[in-house]
């Protein structure tokens, strides 16, 4: 199922500016490895005490 994406920016006054017009994209079945978040290394997730 195709999706659409439109890239724009908003300034401090709330004005928008289109950086890239709406374009049709096809999502990946599985995300690429480089797009995944790294494992959390905080003391709570690592099993230690904060």
N, C-alpha and C. Protein backbone atom coordinates (compact mmCIF):
# COMPACT_ATOMS: atom_id res chain seq x y z
N UNK A 1 0.84 -1.17 0.00
CA UNK A 1 0.00 0.00 0.00
C UNK A 1 0.90 1.24 0.00
N UNK A 2 0.83 2.07 -1.03
CA UNK A 2 1.66 3.27 -1.08
C UNK A 2 1.21 4.30 -0.04
N UNK A 3 2.16 5.10 0.38
CA UNK A 3 1.90 6.18 1.32
C UNK A 3 2.38 7.48 0.67
N UNK A 4 2.00 8.61 1.26
CA UNK A 4 2.51 9.88 0.77
C UNK A 4 3.25 10.59 1.89
N UNK A 5 4.21 11.41 1.50
CA UNK A 5 4.98 12.18 2.46
C UNK A 5 5.17 13.59 1.90
N UNK A 6 5.12 14.56 2.78
CA UNK A 6 5.33 15.96 2.40
C UNK A 6 6.26 16.54 3.46
N UNK A 7 7.36 17.14 3.04
CA UNK A 7 8.34 17.67 3.98
C UNK A 7 8.22 19.19 4.01
N UNK A 8 8.04 19.71 5.24
CA UNK A 8 7.94 21.15 5.39
C UNK A 8 8.56 21.56 6.71
N UNK A 9 8.81 22.87 6.86
CA UNK A 9 9.33 23.38 8.11
C UNK A 9 8.42 24.49 8.61
N UNK A 10 8.43 24.69 9.92
CA UNK A 10 7.61 25.72 10.56
C UNK A 10 8.55 26.65 11.30
N UNK A 11 8.40 27.97 11.09
CA UNK A 11 9.26 28.91 11.81
C UNK A 11 8.63 29.30 13.14
N UNK A 12 9.28 30.15 13.90
CA UNK A 12 8.81 30.53 15.23
C UNK A 12 7.45 31.22 15.22
N UNK A 13 7.12 31.87 14.14
CA UNK A 13 5.84 32.56 14.03
C UNK A 13 4.72 31.65 13.56
N UNK A 14 5.04 30.38 13.30
CA UNK A 14 4.03 29.42 12.87
C UNK A 14 3.82 29.36 11.36
N UNK A 15 4.63 30.08 10.60
CA UNK A 15 4.52 30.02 9.14
C UNK A 15 5.17 28.75 8.63
N UNK A 16 4.56 28.12 7.64
CA UNK A 16 5.11 26.90 7.07
C UNK A 16 5.69 27.16 5.69
N UNK A 17 6.71 26.39 5.38
CA UNK A 17 7.35 26.46 4.07
C UNK A 17 7.57 25.02 3.60
N UNK A 18 7.06 24.70 2.42
CA UNK A 18 7.21 23.35 1.87
C UNK A 18 8.63 23.18 1.35
N UNK A 19 9.32 22.15 1.87
CA UNK A 19 10.67 21.85 1.42
C UNK A 19 10.65 20.83 0.29
N UNK A 20 9.68 19.89 0.35
CA UNK A 20 9.50 18.88 -0.69
C UNK A 20 8.01 18.65 -0.85
N UNK A 21 7.46 18.80 -2.05
CA UNK A 21 6.02 18.60 -2.24
C UNK A 21 5.61 17.15 -1.95
N UNK A 22 4.30 16.94 -1.83
CA UNK A 22 3.78 15.60 -1.53
C UNK A 22 4.25 14.61 -2.60
N UNK A 23 4.80 13.50 -2.13
CA UNK A 23 5.36 12.47 -3.01
C UNK A 23 4.88 11.11 -2.54
N UNK A 24 4.62 10.22 -3.46
CA UNK A 24 4.20 8.86 -3.10
C UNK A 24 5.44 8.02 -2.81
N UNK A 25 5.39 7.29 -1.70
CA UNK A 25 6.49 6.41 -1.31
C UNK A 25 5.94 5.03 -0.99
N UNK A 26 6.77 4.01 -1.14
CA UNK A 26 6.37 2.64 -0.82
C UNK A 26 7.15 2.24 0.44
N UNK A 27 6.44 1.91 1.53
CA UNK A 27 7.14 1.55 2.76
C UNK A 27 7.88 0.22 2.63
N UNK A 28 8.93 0.07 3.43
CA UNK A 28 9.68 -1.19 3.44
C UNK A 28 8.91 -2.25 4.21
N UNK A 29 9.12 -3.51 3.86
CA UNK A 29 8.50 -4.61 4.61
C UNK A 29 9.11 -4.68 6.01
N UNK A 30 10.41 -4.55 6.10
CA UNK A 30 11.14 -4.57 7.36
C UNK A 30 12.08 -3.36 7.38
N UNK A 31 12.22 -2.69 8.52
CA UNK A 31 13.15 -1.55 8.56
C UNK A 31 14.59 -2.01 8.39
N UNK A 32 15.39 -1.16 7.78
CA UNK A 32 16.80 -1.48 7.63
C UNK A 32 17.45 -1.45 9.01
N UNK A 33 18.47 -2.23 9.20
CA UNK A 33 19.12 -2.33 10.51
C UNK A 33 19.58 -0.96 11.01
N UNK A 34 20.09 -0.13 10.13
CA UNK A 34 20.63 1.17 10.53
C UNK A 34 19.56 2.13 10.99
N UNK A 35 18.27 1.84 10.74
CA UNK A 35 17.19 2.73 11.14
C UNK A 35 16.63 2.38 12.51
N UNK A 36 17.12 1.33 13.14
CA UNK A 36 16.62 0.93 14.44
C UNK A 36 17.30 1.76 15.53
N UNK A 37 16.58 2.00 16.62
CA UNK A 37 17.17 2.70 17.75
C UNK A 37 18.16 1.78 18.46
N UNK A 38 19.27 2.31 18.96
CA UNK A 38 20.21 1.46 19.70
C UNK A 38 19.60 1.08 21.05
N UNK A 39 20.11 0.02 21.65
CA UNK A 39 19.63 -0.41 22.96
C UNK A 39 19.91 0.68 23.99
N UNK A 40 19.00 0.85 24.92
CA UNK A 40 19.17 1.84 25.97
C UNK A 40 20.27 1.40 26.93
N UNK A 41 21.14 2.32 27.32
CA UNK A 41 22.24 1.98 28.22
C UNK A 41 22.09 2.63 29.58
N UNK A 42 20.89 3.14 29.90
CA UNK A 42 20.71 3.78 31.21
C UNK A 42 20.77 2.71 32.31
N UNK A 43 21.10 3.09 33.54
CA UNK A 43 21.24 2.12 34.62
C UNK A 43 19.98 1.27 34.86
N UNK A 44 18.80 1.85 34.68
CA UNK A 44 17.57 1.09 34.92
C UNK A 44 17.43 -0.02 33.87
N UNK A 45 17.60 0.30 32.60
CA UNK A 45 17.48 -0.71 31.54
C UNK A 45 18.62 -1.71 31.56
N UNK A 46 19.79 -1.27 32.01
CA UNK A 46 20.96 -2.16 32.06
C UNK A 46 20.90 -3.10 33.26
N UNK A 47 19.90 -2.93 34.14
CA UNK A 47 19.74 -3.83 35.27
C UNK A 47 20.39 -3.35 36.56
N UNK A 48 21.02 -2.20 36.52
CA UNK A 48 21.65 -1.66 37.72
C UNK A 48 20.69 -0.75 38.48
N UNK A 49 21.18 -0.04 39.43
CA UNK A 49 20.35 0.91 40.17
C UNK A 49 20.71 2.33 39.74
N UNK A 50 19.73 3.21 39.67
CA UNK A 50 20.00 4.58 39.22
C UNK A 50 20.83 5.36 40.21
